[in-house]
Amino acid sequence: MPATKRSAPSRRNSKAGSAKKSSPKMSHASKTTRAKTSRSSKSKATVDHEEIRKWAEARCGHPATVKATERNGEPGLLRIDFPGYRGVHSLEEITWDEFFDKFDEKNLAMIYQEKTATGKPSRFCKLVARDSVKASSR
């Protein structure tokens, strides 16, 4: 019988990380949190609306929703859409107000990167649950 490879325990299933769920929610005024990505390049996490808007607009990005996830005229999954990467058939542009209403309703944070490893402006961003950012940024 071949030996099976054991993997490291998943953080998602870790009970230690779930103990922090009762901690206060990250506020818009809270400072940006630094985190490491799996590529070992530095990234930041924030819930600050103005910081997110400025970062996206500096890269010609705009708020969007995945069309197939919209319900009753409300935005579904949120994305930052960039020129040249547009999901013409899958994304629909929305206003920043609509974006941030859903962002706060779903208790999200944005992980983003200012520059790539080569020093060019990065377009890397990911919307994640705020609780997961708090746990991973410690």
C-alpha atoms as a PDB file:
ATOM      1  CA  MET A   1       0.000   0.000   0.000  1.00  0.00           C
ATOM      2  CA  PRO A   2       1.531   3.372  -0.985  1.00  0.00           C
ATOM      3  CA  ALA A   3       2.331   5.873   1.742  1.00  0.00           C
ATOM      4  CA  THR A   4       0.009   8.837   1.926  1.00  0.00           C
ATOM      5  CA  LYS A   5       1.353  12.338   2.145  1.00  0.00           C
ATOM      6  CA  ARG A   6       0.187  14.325   5.160  1.00  0.00           C
ATOM      7  CA  SER A   7      -0.623  17.950   4.628  1.00  0.00           C
ATOM      8  CA  ALA A   8      -0.520  20.804   7.080  1.00  0.00           C
ATOM      9  CA  PRO A   9      -3.818  21.517   8.833  1.00  0.00           C
ATOM     10  CA  SER A  10      -6.010  24.040   7.075  1.00  0.00           C
ATOM     11  CA  ARG A  11      -6.440  27.452   8.714  1.00  0.00           C
ATOM     12  CA  ARG A  12     -10.092  27.418   7.669  1.00  0.00           C
ATOM     13  CA  ASN A  13     -10.820  24.449   9.878  1.00  0.00           C
ATOM     14  CA  SER A  14      -8.681  25.676  12.756  1.00  0.00           C
ATOM     15  CA  LYS A  15     -10.634  26.218  15.958  1.00  0.00           C
ATOM     16  CA  ALA A  16      -7.972  28.638  17.196  1.00  0.00           C
ATOM     17  CA  GLY A  17      -8.857  31.152  14.482  1.00  0.00           C
ATOM     18  CA  SER A  18     -12.564  30.960  15.215  1.00  0.00           C
ATOM     19  CA  ALA A  19     -12.137  32.191  18.791  1.00  0.00           C
ATOM     20  CA  LYS A  20     -11.630  35.748  17.501  1.00  0.00           C
ATOM     21  CA  LYS A  21     -15.052  35.999  15.817  1.00  0.00           C
ATOM     22  CA  SER A  22     -16.439  37.911  18.782  1.00  0.00           C
ATOM     23  CA  SER A  23     -13.776  40.622  18.491  1.00  0.00           C
ATOM     24  CA  PRO A  24     -14.886  44.099  17.370  1.00  0.00           C
ATOM     25  CA  LYS A  25     -15.293  44.579  13.631  1.00  0.00           C
ATOM     26  CA  MET A  26     -12.612  46.469  11.722  1.00  0.00           C
ATOM     27  CA  SER A  27     -13.819  50.053  11.269  1.00  0.00           C
ATOM     28  CA  HIS A  28     -13.382  52.276   8.225  1.00  0.00           C
ATOM     29  CA  ALA A  29     -11.082  54.478  10.259  1.00  0.00           C
ATOM     30  CA  SER A  30      -8.834  51.583  11.282  1.00  0.00           C
ATOM     31  CA  LYS A  31      -5.332  51.549   9.922  1.00  0.00           C
ATOM     32  CA  THR A  32      -4.379  49.400   6.978  1.00  0.00           C
ATOM     33  CA  THR A  33      -3.102  45.985   7.994  1.00  0.00           C
ATOM     34  CA  ARG A  34       0.001  44.474   6.420  1.00  0.00           C
ATOM     35  CA  ALA A  35      -0.095  40.812   5.474  1.00  0.00           C
ATOM     36  CA  LYS A  36       2.140  38.469   3.489  1.00  0.00           C
ATOM     37  CA  THR A  37       0.799  36.745   0.404  1.00  0.00           C
ATOM     38  CA  SER A  38       1.768  33.222  -0.548  1.00  0.00           C
ATOM     39  CA  ARG A  39       4.166  34.732  -3.113  1.00  0.00           C
ATOM     40  CA  SER A  40       6.095  36.388  -0.271  1.00  0.00           C
ATOM     41  CA  SER A  41       5.386  39.842  -1.708  1.00  0.00           C
ATOM     42  CA  LYS A  42       3.890  42.338   0.694  1.00  0.00           C
ATOM     43  CA  SER A  43       0.237  43.159   0.513  1.00  0.00           C
ATOM     44  CA  LYS A  44      -2.060  45.332   2.569  1.00  0.00           C
ATOM     45  CA  ALA A  45      -5.601  44.862   3.812  1.00  0.00           C
ATOM     46  CA  THR A  46      -8.108  47.634   4.336  1.00  0.00           C
ATOM     47  CA  VAL A  47     -11.794  48.390   4.781  1.00  0.00           C
ATOM     48  CA  ASP A  48     -11.347  52.132   4.203  1.00  0.00           C
ATOM     49  CA  HIS A  49     -13.632  53.199   1.342  1.00  0.00           C
ATOM     50  CA  GLU A  50     -11.527  56.146   0.244  1.00  0.00           C
ATOM     51  CA  GLU A  51      -8.315  54.108   0.238  1.00  0.00           C
ATOM     52  CA  ILE A  52      -9.946  51.395  -1.905  1.00  0.00           C
ATOM     53  CA  ARG A  53     -11.430  53.928  -4.340  1.00  0.00           C
ATOM     54  CA  LYS A  54      -8.141  55.826  -4.733  1.00  0.00           C
ATOM     55  CA  TRP A  55      -6.146  52.599  -5.229  1.00  0.00           C
ATOM     56  CA  ALA A  56      -8.556  51.336  -7.903  1.00  0.00           C
ATOM     57  CA  GLU A  57      -8.905  54.650  -9.738  1.00  0.00           C
ATOM     58  CA  ALA A  58      -5.110  55.148  -9.804  1.00  0.00           C
ATOM     59  CA  ARG A  59      -5.070  51.950 -11.906  1.00  0.00           C
ATOM     60  CA  CYS A  60      -8.118  52.977 -14.004  1.00  0.00           C
ATOM     61  CA  GLY A  61     -10.237  50.419 -12.148  1.00  0.00           C
ATOM     62  CA  HIS A  62     -13.902  50.777 -11.356  1.00  0.00           C
ATOM     63  CA  PRO A  63     -16.428  48.893  -9.219  1.00  0.00           C
ATOM     64  CA  ALA A  64     -18.321  46.041 -10.834  1.00  0.00           C
ATOM     65  CA  THR A  65     -20.577  43.129  -9.998  1.00  0.00           C
ATOM     66  CA  VAL A  66     -20.761  39.672 -11.541  1.00  0.00           C
ATOM     67  CA  LYS A  67     -23.984  39.776 -13.575  1.00  0.00           C
ATOM     68  CA  ALA A  68     -25.035  36.199 -12.855  1.00  0.00           C
ATOM     69  CA  THR A  69     -24.994  36.874  -9.095  1.00  0.00           C
ATOM     70  CA  GLU A  70     -27.283  39.927  -9.046  1.00  0.00           C
ATOM     71  CA  ARG A  71     -30.584  39.436  -7.216  1.00  0.00           C
ATOM     72  CA  ASN A  72     -33.613  41.756  -7.249  1.00  0.00           C
ATOM     73  CA  GLY A  73     -31.574  44.589  -8.746  1.00  0.00           C
ATOM     74  CA  GLU A  74     -28.937  44.334  -6.000  1.00  0.00           C
ATOM     75  CA  PRO A  75     -25.235  43.770  -6.783  1.00  0.00           C
ATOM     76  CA  GLY A  76     -23.988  40.237  -6.234  1.00  0.00           C
ATOM     77  CA  LEU A  77     -20.308  39.300  -6.138  1.00  0.00           C
ATOM     78  CA  LEU A  78     -18.133  42.396  -6.174  1.00  0.00           C
ATOM     79  CA  ARG A  79     -15.074  42.979  -8.320  1.00  0.00           C
ATOM     80  CA  ILE A  80     -12.724  45.801  -9.273  1.00  0.00           C
ATOM     81  CA  ASP A  81     -12.670  45.829 -13.082  1.00  0.00           C
ATOM     82  CA  PHE A  82      -9.596  47.085 -14.951  1.00  0.00           C
ATOM     83  CA  PRO A  83      -9.214  48.112 -18.619  1.00  0.00           C
ATOM     84  CA  GLY A  84      -8.100  45.210 -20.757  1.00  0.00           C
ATOM     85  CA  TYR A  85      -9.346  42.676 -18.209  1.00  0.00           C
ATOM     86  CA  ARG A  86     -13.027  43.457 -18.538  1.00  0.00           C
ATOM     87  CA  GLY A  87     -15.383  40.556 -18.366  1.00  0.00           C
ATOM     88  CA  VAL A  88     -17.565  42.040 -21.110  1.00  0.00           C
ATOM     89  CA  HIS A  89     -20.160  39.318 -20.751  1.00  0.00           C
ATOM     90  CA  SER A  90     -19.812  38.632 -17.035  1.00  0.00           C
ATOM     91  CA  LEU A  91     -19.284  41.986 -15.271  1.00  0.00           C
ATOM     92  CA  GLU A  92     -21.466  45.050 -14.967  1.00  0.00           C
ATOM     93  CA  GLU A  93     -20.160  48.424 -13.793  1.00  0.00           C
ATOM     94  CA  ILE A  94     -21.828  49.777 -10.634  1.00  0.00           C
ATOM     95  CA  THR A  95     -21.411  52.985  -8.635  1.00  0.00           C
ATOM     96  CA  TRP A  96     -18.995  53.292  -5.757  1.00  0.00           C
ATOM     97  CA  ASP A  97     -21.994  53.815  -3.442  1.00  0.00           C
ATOM     98  CA  GLU A  98     -23.542  50.507  -4.566  1.00  0.00           C
ATOM     99  CA  PHE A  99     -20.160  48.792  -4.255  1.00  0.00           C
ATOM    100  CA  PHE A 100     -19.509  50.024  -0.710  1.00  0.00           C
ATOM    101  CA  ASP A 101     -23.076  49.348   0.456  1.00  0.00           C
ATOM    102  CA  LYS A 102     -22.625  45.675  -0.519  1.00  0.00           C
ATOM    103  CA  PHE A 103     -18.992  45.683   0.724  1.00  0.00           C
ATOM    104  CA  ASP A 104     -20.151  46.717   4.215  1.00  0.00           C
ATOM    105  CA  GLU A 105     -23.279  44.541   4.162  1.00  0.00           C
ATOM    106  CA  LYS A 106     -21.128  41.465   3.467  1.00  0.00           C
ATOM    107  CA  ASN A 107     -18.490  42.554   6.009  1.00  0.00           C
ATOM    108  CA  LEU A 108     -15.652  42.495   3.469  1.00  0.00           C
ATOM    109  CA  ALA A 109     -12.074  43.755   3.444  1.00  0.00           C
ATOM    110  CA  MET A 110      -9.773  44.241   0.463  1.00  0.00           C
ATOM    111  CA  ILE A 111      -6.313  42.728   0.266  1.00  0.00           C
ATOM    112  CA  TYR A 112      -4.238  44.564  -2.304  1.00  0.00           C
ATOM    113  CA  GLN A 113      -0.705  45.132  -3.469  1.00  0.00           C
ATOM    114  CA  GLU A 114       0.845  48.498  -4.353  1.00  0.00           C
ATOM    115  CA  LYS A 115       3.674  47.157  -6.538  1.00  0.00           C
ATOM    116  CA  THR A 116       4.684  43.898  -8.161  1.00  0.00           C
ATOM    117  CA  ALA A 117       7.943  42.137  -7.303  1.00  0.00           C
ATOM    118  CA  THR A 118       9.519  44.006 -10.234  1.00  0.00           C
ATOM    119  CA  GLY A 119       8.355  47.389  -8.892  1.00  0.00           C
ATOM    120  CA  LYS A 120       5.532  48.024 -11.371  1.00  0.00           C
ATOM    121  CA  PRO A 121       2.101  49.153 -10.118  1.00  0.00           C
ATOM    122  CA  SER A 122       0.142  46.044  -9.171  1.00  0.00           C
ATOM    123  CA  ARG A 123      -3.506  45.366  -9.934  1.00  0.00           C
ATOM    124  CA  PHE A 124      -3.669  42.511  -7.444  1.00  0.00           C
ATOM    125  CA  CYS A 125      -6.686  42.801  -5.183  1.00  0.00           C
ATOM    126  CA  LYS A 126      -8.978  40.346  -3.505  1.00  0.00           C
ATOM    127  CA  LEU A 127     -12.152  40.886  -1.514  1.00  0.00           C
ATOM    128  CA  VAL A 128     -12.279  38.678   1.568  1.00  0.00           C
ATOM    129  CA  ALA A 129     -14.201  38.319   4.831  1.00  0.00           C
ATOM    130  CA  ARG A 130     -12.965  40.840   7.407  1.00  0.00           C
ATOM    131  CA  ASP A 131     -12.614  38.111  10.023  1.00  0.00           C
ATOM    132  CA  SER A 132     -10.147  36.238   7.824  1.00  0.00           C
ATOM    133  CA  VAL A 133      -7.957  39.338   7.447  1.00  0.00           C
ATOM    134  CA  LYS A 134      -7.790  39.883  11.198  1.00  0.00           C
ATOM    135  CA  ALA A 135      -6.734  36.282  11.777  1.00  0.00           C
ATOM    136  CA  SER A 136      -4.095  36.227   9.030  1.00  0.00           C
ATOM    137  CA  SER A 137      -2.597  39.649   9.733  1.00  0.00           C
ATOM    138  CA  ARG A 138      -1.360  38.838  13.221  1.00  0.00           C
END
